[in-house]
């Protein structure tokens, strides 16, 4: 439809006014054009920014995915290593278990060995006790043989120094009985003196005490030990309490040590070592026990 002259003139006046008034033109544009069209430049800028953001996010996501993939590979490697460690641990545990089993078997063997050793030690102890009993029996048998030999052949061994006295045993026990009645010795001391291997009451045949009576309290042993010396000394002292001039004598085939024999001689004992009498001169010993 064609505009009339007046209509054209009106349109031209409106356009002129809009050209001269930008504010009115902008107001008219907002009235006539949708809002999205008005902000189209801003939307374009937003779209560009969004595209850039998406690209950056894509790059970052790719980097994250790369990191995740690398982490996955590392985790897979760690899993392999953990599996290897677990397998080695399992093998170690199996070895440990075998070692424990071997140790247990070894301990059981040791227990059985200890039990065998205990049984062997018990058998050895029994054998040693039997051997000790045998040695004791043999020692006692030797001592009895020694005692019998010296008792039977006393004058053959000691006749050079002393002779037997008349009715010596009877007078010996009479004086011991008197000592008991007078309480000079106790029953225990009597029993101690009674158990001496030999009590020989004789008369001295030489030296400064010739013709005088002396009681020899003797202990005999195959091997003379310190207890033999102590018994002879103890029983001699009891005989002296009874009233005898008593002298201790110890005889044996050998002595436990030379030191023991030297000590016995120093204490005033007459010592016999395999038939050899010491000292040969009894005067010093007799004087010691006469005081």
C-alpha atoms as a PDB file:
ATOM      1  CA  UNK A   1       0.000   0.000   0.000  1.00  0.00           C
ATOM      2  CA  UNK A   2       1.460   3.368  -1.062  1.00  0.00           C
ATOM      3  CA  UNK A   3       1.794   6.117   1.534  1.00  0.00           C
ATOM      4  CA  UNK A   4       0.056   9.345   1.063  1.00  0.00           C
ATOM      5  CA  UNK A   5       1.985  12.486   0.924  1.00  0.00           C
ATOM      6  CA  UNK A   6       1.036  13.379   4.394  1.00  0.00           C
ATOM      7  CA  UNK A   7       1.922   9.925   5.682  1.00  0.00           C
ATOM      8  CA  UNK A   8       5.352  10.135   4.013  1.00  0.00           C
ATOM      9  CA  UNK A   9       5.900  13.548   5.473  1.00  0.00           C
ATOM     10  CA  UNK A  10       5.046  12.231   8.911  1.00  0.00           C
ATOM     11  CA  UNK A  11       7.418   9.273   8.560  1.00  0.00           C
ATOM     12  CA  UNK A  12      10.219  11.537   7.412  1.00  0.00           C
ATOM     13  CA  UNK A  13       9.609  13.887  10.336  1.00  0.00           C
ATOM     14  CA  UNK A  14       9.713  10.887  12.739  1.00  0.00           C
ATOM     15  CA  UNK A  15      12.929   9.523  11.192  1.00  0.00           C
ATOM     16  CA  UNK A  16      14.524  12.964  11.341  1.00  0.00           C
ATOM     17  CA  UNK A  17      13.584  13.273  14.976  1.00  0.00           C
ATOM     18  CA  UNK A  18      15.016   9.777  15.721  1.00  0.00           C
ATOM     19  CA  UNK A  19      18.228  10.657  13.930  1.00  0.00           C
ATOM     20  CA  UNK A  20      18.565  13.784  15.947  1.00  0.00           C
ATOM     21  CA  UNK A  21      17.604  12.076  19.212  1.00  0.00           C
ATOM     22  CA  UNK A  22      19.626   8.846  19.768  1.00  0.00           C
ATOM     23  CA  UNK A  23      17.893   8.241  23.056  1.00  0.00           C
ATOM     24  CA  UNK A  24      14.562   8.148  21.339  1.00  0.00           C
ATOM     25  CA  UNK A  25      15.996   5.900  18.658  1.00  0.00           C
ATOM     26  CA  UNK A  26      17.289   3.498  21.328  1.00  0.00           C
ATOM     27  CA  UNK A  27      13.965   3.571  23.135  1.00  0.00           C
ATOM     28  CA  UNK A  28      12.195   2.823  19.880  1.00  0.00           C
ATOM     29  CA  UNK A  29      14.602  -0.024  19.135  1.00  0.00           C
ATOM     30  CA  UNK A  30      13.830  -1.620  22.514  1.00  0.00           C
ATOM     31  CA  UNK A  31      10.148  -1.325  21.790  1.00  0.00           C
ATOM     32  CA  UNK A  32      10.339  -2.737  18.310  1.00  0.00           C
ATOM     33  CA  UNK A  33      13.230  -5.314  18.540  1.00  0.00           C
ATOM     34  CA  UNK A  34      13.155  -8.343  21.017  1.00  0.00           C
ATOM     35  CA  UNK A  35      15.517  -8.165  24.012  1.00  0.00           C
ATOM     36  CA  UNK A  36      17.647 -11.007  22.824  1.00  0.00           C
ATOM     37  CA  UNK A  37      18.394  -9.145  19.625  1.00  0.00           C
ATOM     38  CA  UNK A  38      19.349  -6.077  21.667  1.00  0.00           C
ATOM     39  CA  UNK A  39      21.840  -8.081  23.657  1.00  0.00           C
ATOM     40  CA  UNK A  40      23.041 -10.097  20.703  1.00  0.00           C
ATOM     41  CA  UNK A  41      26.571  -8.637  20.823  1.00  0.00           C
ATOM     42  CA  UNK A  42      26.776  -9.525  24.505  1.00  0.00           C
ATOM     43  CA  UNK A  43      25.520 -13.022  23.787  1.00  0.00           C
ATOM     44  CA  UNK A  44      28.119 -13.416  21.093  1.00  0.00           C
ATOM     45  CA  UNK A  45      30.797 -12.410  23.570  1.00  0.00           C
ATOM     46  CA  UNK A  46      29.332 -14.824  26.128  1.00  0.00           C
ATOM     47  CA  UNK A  47      29.277 -17.556  23.523  1.00  0.00           C
ATOM     48  CA  UNK A  48      32.918 -16.896  22.679  1.00  0.00           C
ATOM     49  CA  UNK A  49      33.817 -16.933  26.340  1.00  0.00           C
ATOM     50  CA  UNK A  50      31.814 -20.120  26.833  1.00  0.00           C
ATOM     51  CA  UNK A  51      33.625 -21.718  23.911  1.00  0.00           C
ATOM     52  CA  UNK A  52      36.961 -20.681  25.374  1.00  0.00           C
ATOM     53  CA  UNK A  53      35.862 -21.963  28.768  1.00  0.00           C
ATOM     54  CA  UNK A  54      34.731 -25.237  27.242  1.00  0.00           C
ATOM     55  CA  UNK A  55      38.044 -25.555  25.429  1.00  0.00           C
ATOM     56  CA  UNK A  56      39.947 -24.833  28.636  1.00  0.00           C
ATOM     57  CA  UNK A  57      37.740 -27.257  30.565  1.00  0.00           C
ATOM     58  CA  UNK A  58      38.289 -29.832  27.838  1.00  0.00           C
ATOM     59  CA  UNK A  59      42.044 -29.347  28.075  1.00  0.00           C
ATOM     60  CA  UNK A  60      41.909 -29.568  31.869  1.00  0.00           C
ATOM     61  CA  UNK A  61      39.633 -32.600  31.705  1.00  0.00           C
ATOM     62  CA  UNK A  62      42.015 -34.227  29.258  1.00  0.00           C
ATOM     63  CA  UNK A  63      44.882 -33.457  31.608  1.00  0.00           C
ATOM     64  CA  UNK A  64      42.855 -34.895  34.478  1.00  0.00           C
ATOM     65  CA  UNK A  65      42.061 -37.979  32.437  1.00  0.00           C
ATOM     66  CA  UNK A  66      45.720 -38.293  31.518  1.00  0.00           C
ATOM     67  CA  UNK A  67      46.602 -38.010  35.198  1.00  0.00           C
ATOM     68  CA  UNK A  68      43.885 -40.524  36.053  1.00  0.00           C
ATOM     69  CA  UNK A  69      45.188 -42.921  33.391  1.00  0.00           C
ATOM     70  CA  UNK A  70      48.725 -42.466  34.682  1.00  0.00           C
ATOM     71  CA  UNK A  71      47.450 -43.020  38.198  1.00  0.00           C
ATOM     72  CA  UNK A  72      45.625 -46.107  37.012  1.00  0.00           C
ATOM     73  CA  UNK A  73      48.846 -47.389  35.493  1.00  0.00           C
ATOM     74  CA  UNK A  74      50.697 -46.642  38.706  1.00  0.00           C
ATOM     75  CA  UNK A  75      47.949 -48.326  40.707  1.00  0.00           C
ATOM     76  CA  UNK A  76      48.128 -51.303  38.372  1.00  0.00           C
ATOM     77  CA  UNK A  77      51.894 -51.392  38.859  1.00  0.00           C
ATOM     78  CA  UNK A  78      51.422 -51.090  42.605  1.00  0.00           C
ATOM     79  CA  UNK A  79      48.896 -53.901  42.477  1.00  0.00           C
ATOM     80  CA  UNK A  80      51.446 -56.032  40.659  1.00  0.00           C
ATOM     81  CA  UNK A  81      54.067 -55.119  43.234  1.00  0.00           C
ATOM     82  CA  UNK A  82      51.647 -55.703  46.101  1.00  0.00           C
ATOM     83  CA  UNK A  83      50.728 -59.044  44.583  1.00  0.00           C
ATOM     84  CA  UNK A  84      54.439 -59.863  44.321  1.00  0.00           C
ATOM     85  CA  UNK A  85      55.004 -58.752  47.909  1.00  0.00           C
ATOM     86  CA  UNK A  86      52.010 -60.786  49.015  1.00  0.00           C
ATOM     87  CA  UNK A  87      53.351 -63.814  47.166  1.00  0.00           C
ATOM     88  CA  UNK A  88      56.792 -63.323  48.689  1.00  0.00           C
ATOM     89  CA  UNK A  89      55.179 -62.840  52.084  1.00  0.00           C
ATOM     90  CA  UNK A  90      53.225 -66.023  51.581  1.00  0.00           C
ATOM     91  CA  UNK A  91      56.402 -67.865  50.602  1.00  0.00           C
ATOM     92  CA  UNK A  92      58.168 -66.404  53.624  1.00  0.00           C
ATOM     93  CA  UNK A  93      55.287 -67.480  55.848  1.00  0.00           C
ATOM     94  CA  UNK A  94      55.455 -70.945  54.327  1.00  0.00           C
ATOM     95  CA  UNK A  95      59.206 -71.033  54.939  1.00  0.00           C
ATOM     96  CA  UNK A  96      58.659 -69.729  58.454  1.00  0.00           C
ATOM     97  CA  UNK A  97      56.064 -72.416  59.014  1.00  0.00           C
ATOM     98  CA  UNK A  98      58.468 -75.068  57.715  1.00  0.00           C
ATOM     99  CA  UNK A  99      61.212 -73.648  59.923  1.00  0.00           C
ATOM    100  CA  UNK A 100      58.871 -73.728  62.908  1.00  0.00           C
ATOM    101  CA  UNK A 101      57.974 -77.317  62.079  1.00  0.00           C
ATOM    102  CA  UNK A 102      61.661 -78.198  61.785  1.00  0.00           C
ATOM    103  CA  UNK A 103      62.368 -76.370  65.034  1.00  0.00           C
ATOM    104  CA  UNK A 104      59.543 -78.240  66.712  1.00  0.00           C
ATOM    105  CA  UNK A 105      60.902 -81.507  65.332  1.00  0.00           C
ATOM    106  CA  UNK A 106      64.391 -80.522  66.528  1.00  0.00           C
ATOM    107  CA  UNK A 107      63.015 -79.652  69.968  1.00  0.00           C
ATOM    108  CA  UNK A 108      61.241 -83.001  70.076  1.00  0.00           C
ATOM    109  CA  UNK A 109      64.489 -84.709  69.114  1.00  0.00           C
ATOM    110  CA  UNK A 110      66.310 -82.694  71.757  1.00  0.00           C
ATOM    111  CA  UNK A 111      63.678 -83.698  74.307  1.00  0.00           C
ATOM    112  CA  UNK A 112      64.138 -87.331  73.359  1.00  0.00           C
ATOM    113  CA  UNK A 113      67.906 -86.869  73.499  1.00  0.00           C
ATOM    114  CA  UNK A 114      67.596 -85.205  76.917  1.00  0.00           C
ATOM    115  CA  UNK A 115      65.455 -88.103  78.097  1.00  0.00           C
ATOM    116  CA  UNK A 116      68.041 -90.546  76.781  1.00  0.00           C
ATOM    117  CA  UNK A 117      70.787 -88.529  78.446  1.00  0.00           C
ATOM    118  CA  UNK A 118      68.791 -88.527  81.688  1.00  0.00           C
ATOM    119  CA  UNK A 119      68.390 -92.286  81.463  1.00  0.00           C
ATOM    120  CA  UNK A 120      72.081 -92.655  80.669  1.00  0.00           C
ATOM    121  CA  UNK A 121      72.987 -90.386  83.583  1.00  0.00           C
ATOM    122  CA  UNK A 122      70.708 -92.373  85.851  1.00  0.00           C
ATOM    123  CA  UNK A 123      72.338 -95.575  84.648  1.00  0.00           C
ATOM    124  CA  UNK A 124      75.746 -93.986  85.118  1.00  0.00           C
ATOM    125  CA  UNK A 125      74.750 -92.852  88.606  1.00  0.00           C
ATOM    126  CA  UNK A 126      73.614 -96.373  89.427  1.00  0.00           C
ATOM    127  CA  UNK A 127      76.839 -97.767  87.990  1.00  0.00           C
ATOM    128  CA  UNK A 128      78.883 -95.220  89.953  1.00  0.00           C
ATOM    129  CA  UNK A 129      76.984 -96.062  93.134  1.00  0.00           C
ATOM    130  CA  UNK A 130      77.558 -99.742  92.486  1.00  0.00           C
ATOM    131  CA  UNK A 131      81.210 -99.049  91.749  1.00  0.00           C
ATOM    132  CA  UNK A 132      81.462 -96.978  94.933  1.00  0.00           C
ATOM    133  CA  UNK A 133      79.871 -99.794  96.895  1.00  0.00           C
ATOM    134  CA  UNK A 134      82.266-102.226  95.282  1.00  0.00           C
ATOM    135  CA  UNK A 135      85.196 -99.919  96.009  1.00  0.00           C
ATOM    136  CA  UNK A 136      83.929 -99.448  99.552  1.00  0.00           C
ATOM    137  CA  UNK A 137      83.516-103.184  99.997  1.00  0.00           C
ATOM    138  CA  UNK A 138      86.950-103.806  98.531  1.00  0.00           C
ATOM    139  CA  UNK A 139      88.407-101.043 100.694  1.00  0.00           C
ATOM    140  CA  UNK A 140      86.740-102.468 103.782  1.00  0.00           C
ATOM    141  CA  UNK A 141      87.927-105.938 102.840  1.00  0.00           C
ATOM    142  CA  UNK A 142      91.469-104.649 102.337  1.00  0.00           C
ATOM    143  CA  UNK A 143      91.300-102.765 105.616  1.00  0.00           C
ATOM    144  CA  UNK A 144      90.119-105.906 107.422  1.00  0.00           C
ATOM    145  CA  UNK A 145      92.931-107.877 105.842  1.00  0.00           C
ATOM    146  CA  UNK A 146      95.314-105.108 106.869  1.00  0.00           C
ATOM    147  CA  UNK A 147      93.899-105.071 110.408  1.00  0.00           C
ATOM    148  CA  UNK A 148      94.063-108.843 110.692  1.00  0.00           C
ATOM    149  CA  UNK A 149      97.617-108.854 109.388  1.00  0.00           C
ATOM    150  CA  UNK A 150      98.824-106.250 111.883  1.00  0.00           C
ATOM    151  CA  UNK A 151      96.817-107.703 114.749  1.00  0.00           C
ATOM    152  CA  UNK A 152      98.064-111.232 114.115  1.00  0.00           C
ATOM    153  CA  UNK A 153     101.653-110.208 113.450  1.00  0.00           C
ATOM    154  CA  UNK A 154     101.861-107.180 115.725  1.00  0.00           C
ATOM    155  CA  UNK A 155     105.148-108.187 117.291  1.00  0.00           C
ATOM    156  CA  UNK A 156     106.605-108.963 113.877  1.00  0.00           C
ATOM    157  CA  UNK A 157     106.015-105.346 112.926  1.00  0.00           C
ATOM    158  CA  UNK A 158     106.542-103.574 116.275  1.00  0.00           C
ATOM    159  CA  UNK A 159     108.435-106.066 118.433  1.00  0.00           C
ATOM    160  CA  UNK A 160     111.546-103.926 118.007  1.00  0.00           C
ATOM    161  CA  UNK A 161     109.928-101.251 120.187  1.00  0.00           C
ATOM    162  CA  UNK A 162     107.376-102.999 122.418  1.00  0.00           C
ATOM    163  CA  UNK A 163     106.599-106.406 123.906  1.00  0.00           C
ATOM    164  CA  UNK A 164     103.233-107.754 124.917  1.00  0.00           C
ATOM    165  CA  UNK A 165     102.233-107.494 128.583  1.00  0.00           C
ATOM    166  CA  UNK A 166     100.887-110.322 130.673  1.00  0.00           C
ATOM    167  CA  UNK A 167      97.076-110.519 130.807  1.00  0.00           C
ATOM    168  CA  UNK A 168      96.938-107.243 128.869  1.00  0.00           C
ATOM    169  CA  UNK A 169      93.329-107.563 127.531  1.00  0.00           C
ATOM    170  CA  UNK A 170      91.886-108.355 130.958  1.00  0.00           C
ATOM    171  CA  UNK A 171      93.659-105.449 132.695  1.00  0.00           C
ATOM    172  CA  UNK A 172      92.765-103.141 129.787  1.00  0.00           C
ATOM    173  CA  UNK A 173      89.027-103.750 130.079  1.00  0.00           C
ATOM    174  CA  UNK A 174      89.129-103.657 133.873  1.00  0.00           C
ATOM    175  CA  UNK A 175      90.551-100.146 133.762  1.00  0.00           C
ATOM    176  CA  UNK A 176      88.050 -99.066 131.105  1.00  0.00           C
ATOM    177  CA  UNK A 177      85.233-100.457 133.270  1.00  0.00           C
ATOM    178  CA  UNK A 178      86.550 -98.533 136.277  1.00  0.00           C
ATOM    179  CA  UNK A 179      86.676 -95.337 134.203  1.00  0.00           C
ATOM    180  CA  UNK A 180      83.041 -95.817 133.238  1.00  0.00           C
ATOM    181  CA  UNK A 181      82.022 -96.383 136.863  1.00  0.00           C
ATOM    182  CA  UNK A 182      83.888 -93.244 137.915  1.00  0.00           C
ATOM    183  CA  UNK A 183      82.329 -91.249 135.038  1.00  0.00           C
ATOM    184  CA  UNK A 184      85.772 -90.473 133.650  1.00  0.00           C
ATOM    185  CA  UNK A 185      84.409 -91.321 130.187  1.00  0.00           C
ATOM    186  CA  UNK A 186      80.910 -91.486 128.754  1.00  0.00           C
ATOM    187  CA  UNK A 187      79.269 -94.470 127.093  1.00  0.00           C
ATOM    188  CA  UNK A 188      79.751 -92.764 123.745  1.00  0.00           C
ATOM    189  CA  UNK A 189      83.456 -92.377 124.458  1.00  0.00           C
ATOM    190  CA  UNK A 190      83.632 -95.999 125.564  1.00  0.00           C
ATOM    191  CA  UNK A 191      82.023 -97.055 122.295  1.00  0.00           C
ATOM    192  CA  UNK A 192      84.447 -94.849 120.386  1.00  0.00           C
ATOM    193  CA  UNK A 193      87.455 -96.435 122.102  1.00  0.00           C
ATOM    194  CA  UNK A 194      85.968 -99.926 121.677  1.00  0.00           C
ATOM    195  CA  UNK A 195      85.795 -99.414 117.898  1.00  0.00           C
ATOM    196  CA  UNK A 196      89.534 -98.763 117.574  1.00  0.00           C
ATOM    197  CA  UNK A 197      91.108-101.240 115.169  1.00  0.00           C
ATOM    198  CA  UNK A 198      93.665-102.312 117.791  1.00  0.00           C
ATOM    199  CA  UNK A 199      94.435-101.520 121.438  1.00  0.00           C
ATOM    200  CA  UNK A 200      97.811-103.067 122.295  1.00  0.00           C
ATOM    201  CA  UNK A 201      98.964-102.821 125.902  1.00  0.00           C
ATOM    202  CA  UNK A 202     102.659-103.579 125.875  1.00  0.00           C
ATOM    203  CA  UNK A 203     105.965-102.969 127.605  1.00  0.00           C
ATOM    204  CA  UNK A 204     108.600-100.775 125.943  1.00  0.00           C
ATOM    205  CA  UNK A 205     111.814-102.672 125.261  1.00  0.00           C
ATOM    206  CA  UNK A 206     114.191 -99.848 124.354  1.00  0.00           C
ATOM    207  CA  UNK A 207     114.783 -96.116 124.726  1.00  0.00           C
ATOM    208  CA  UNK A 208     114.617 -93.931 127.809  1.00  0.00           C
ATOM    209  CA  UNK A 209     111.265 -95.458 128.810  1.00  0.00           C
ATOM    210  CA  UNK A 210     112.346 -99.081 128.610  1.00  0.00           C
ATOM    211  CA  UNK A 211     110.299-101.422 130.803  1.00  0.00           C
ATOM    212  CA  UNK A 212     107.337 -99.059 131.100  1.00  0.00           C
ATOM    213  CA  UNK A 213     103.836 -99.971 129.967  1.00  0.00           C
ATOM    214  CA  UNK A 214     102.198 -98.071 127.103  1.00  0.00           C
ATOM    215  CA  UNK A 215      98.870 -98.451 125.269  1.00  0.00           C
ATOM    216  CA  UNK A 216      99.115 -98.254 121.488  1.00  0.00           C
ATOM    217  CA  UNK A 217      95.786 -97.154 119.910  1.00  0.00           C
ATOM    218  CA  UNK A 218      96.033 -98.181 116.259  1.00  0.00           C
ATOM    219  CA  UNK A 219      93.994 -97.495 113.109  1.00  0.00           C
ATOM    220  CA  UNK A 220      94.605 -99.585 109.995  1.00  0.00           C
ATOM    221  CA  UNK A 221      93.544 -98.778 106.431  1.00  0.00           C
ATOM    222  CA  UNK A 222      94.631 -99.836 102.988  1.00  0.00           C
ATOM    223  CA  UNK A 223      95.022 -96.153 102.058  1.00  0.00           C
ATOM    224  CA  UNK A 224      95.468 -93.850 105.028  1.00  0.00           C
ATOM    225  CA  UNK A 225      93.300 -90.731 104.856  1.00  0.00           C
ATOM    226  CA  UNK A 226      92.793 -87.750 107.120  1.00  0.00           C
ATOM    227  CA  UNK A 227      89.806 -89.364 108.846  1.00  0.00           C
ATOM    228  CA  UNK A 228      92.001 -92.308 109.891  1.00  0.00           C
ATOM    229  CA  UNK A 229      94.446 -89.888 111.501  1.00  0.00           C
ATOM    230  CA  UNK A 230      91.627 -88.013 113.251  1.00  0.00           C
ATOM    231  CA  UNK A 231      90.105 -91.246 114.600  1.00  0.00           C
ATOM    232  CA  UNK A 232      93.456 -92.356 116.019  1.00  0.00           C
ATOM    233  CA  UNK A 233      93.962 -88.997 117.744  1.00  0.00           C
ATOM    234  CA  UNK A 234      90.401 -88.918 119.109  1.00  0.00           C
ATOM    235  CA  UNK A 235      90.517 -92.478 120.467  1.00  0.00           C
ATOM    236  CA  UNK A 236      93.974 -91.928 121.987  1.00  0.00           C
ATOM    237  CA  UNK A 237      92.657 -88.935 123.931  1.00  0.00           C
ATOM    238  CA  UNK A 238      89.825 -91.094 125.305  1.00  0.00           C
ATOM    239  CA  UNK A 239      92.348 -93.741 126.387  1.00  0.00           C
ATOM    240  CA  UNK A 240      94.328 -91.041 128.176  1.00  0.00           C
ATOM    241  CA  UNK A 241      91.142 -90.043 130.044  1.00  0.00           C
ATOM    242  CA  UNK A 242      90.873 -93.652 131.178  1.00  0.00           C
ATOM    243  CA  UNK A 243      94.359 -93.315 132.673  1.00  0.00           C
ATOM    244  CA  UNK A 244      96.580 -95.008 130.104  1.00  0.00           C
ATOM    245  CA  UNK A 245      99.806 -93.689 128.716  1.00  0.00           C
ATOM    246  CA  UNK A 246      98.425 -93.975 125.195  1.00  0.00           C
ATOM    247  CA  UNK A 247     100.141 -93.377 121.843  1.00  0.00           C
ATOM    248  CA  UNK A 248      98.334 -93.180 118.423  1.00  0.00           C
ATOM    249  CA  UNK A 249      99.493 -95.289 115.504  1.00  0.00           C
ATOM    250  CA  UNK A 250      98.204 -95.309 111.922  1.00  0.00           C
ATOM    251  CA  UNK A 251      99.280 -97.899 109.358  1.00  0.00           C
ATOM    252  CA  UNK A 252      98.460 -98.510 105.677  1.00  0.00           C
ATOM    253  CA  UNK A 253      99.822 -99.819 102.416  1.00  0.00           C
ATOM    254  CA  UNK A 254     100.010 -96.226 101.216  1.00  0.00           C
ATOM    255  CA  UNK A 255      98.996 -92.712 102.258  1.00  0.00           C
ATOM    256  CA  UNK A 256      96.654 -90.271 100.607  1.00  0.00           C
ATOM    257  CA  UNK A 257      99.515 -87.771 100.384  1.00  0.00           C
ATOM    258  CA  UNK A 258     102.963 -87.115 101.743  1.00  0.00           C
ATOM    259  CA  UNK A 259     101.596 -83.897 103.240  1.00  0.00           C
ATOM    260  CA  UNK A 260      99.091 -85.897 105.313  1.00  0.00           C
ATOM    261  CA  UNK A 261     101.845 -88.174 106.642  1.00  0.00           C
ATOM    262  CA  UNK A 262     104.050 -85.172 107.481  1.00  0.00           C
ATOM    263  CA  UNK A 263     101.120 -83.565 109.309  1.00  0.00           C
ATOM    264  CA  UNK A 264     100.454 -86.804 111.234  1.00  0.00           C
ATOM    265  CA  UNK A 265     104.107 -87.077 112.274  1.00  0.00           C
ATOM    266  CA  UNK A 266     104.021 -83.439 113.429  1.00  0.00           C
ATOM    267  CA  UNK A 267     100.983 -84.254 115.608  1.00  0.00           C
ATOM    268  CA  UNK A 268     102.887 -87.101 117.309  1.00  0.00           C
ATOM    269  CA  UNK A 269     101.526 -90.164 115.516  1.00  0.00           C
ATOM    270  CA  UNK A 270     103.545 -93.258 114.760  1.00  0.00           C
ATOM    271  CA  UNK A 271     103.097 -93.746 111.015  1.00  0.00           C
ATOM    272  CA  UNK A 272     103.485 -96.974 109.057  1.00  0.00           C
ATOM    273  CA  UNK A 273     103.722 -96.714 105.254  1.00  0.00           C
ATOM    274  CA  UNK A 274     103.804-100.120 103.530  1.00  0.00           C
ATOM    275  CA  UNK A 275     105.620-101.664 106.520  1.00  0.00           C
ATOM    276  CA  UNK A 276     108.008 -98.759 107.035  1.00  0.00           C
ATOM    277  CA  UNK A 277     107.679 -97.321 110.569  1.00  0.00           C
ATOM    278  CA  UNK A 278     108.278 -93.619 111.209  1.00  0.00           C
ATOM    279  CA  UNK A 279     109.828 -92.414 113.409  1.00  0.00           C
ATOM    280  CA  UNK A 280     112.313 -95.144 114.248  1.00  0.00           C
ATOM    281  CA  UNK A 281     113.120 -93.463 117.572  1.00  0.00           C
ATOM    282  CA  UNK A 282     109.931 -93.385 119.624  1.00  0.00           C
ATOM    283  CA  UNK A 283     111.292 -91.402 122.578  1.00  0.00           C
ATOM    284  CA  UNK A 284     110.082 -88.016 121.249  1.00  0.00           C
ATOM    285  CA  UNK A 285     106.597 -89.381 120.494  1.00  0.00           C
ATOM    286  CA  UNK A 286     106.392 -91.129 123.875  1.00  0.00           C
ATOM    287  CA  UNK A 287     107.480 -87.946 125.648  1.00  0.00           C
ATOM    288  CA  UNK A 288     104.812 -85.924 123.852  1.00  0.00           C
ATOM    289  CA  UNK A 289     102.013 -88.266 124.945  1.00  0.00           C
ATOM    290  CA  UNK A 290     103.381 -88.802 128.461  1.00  0.00           C
ATOM    291  CA  UNK A 291     102.883 -85.124 129.369  1.00  0.00           C
END
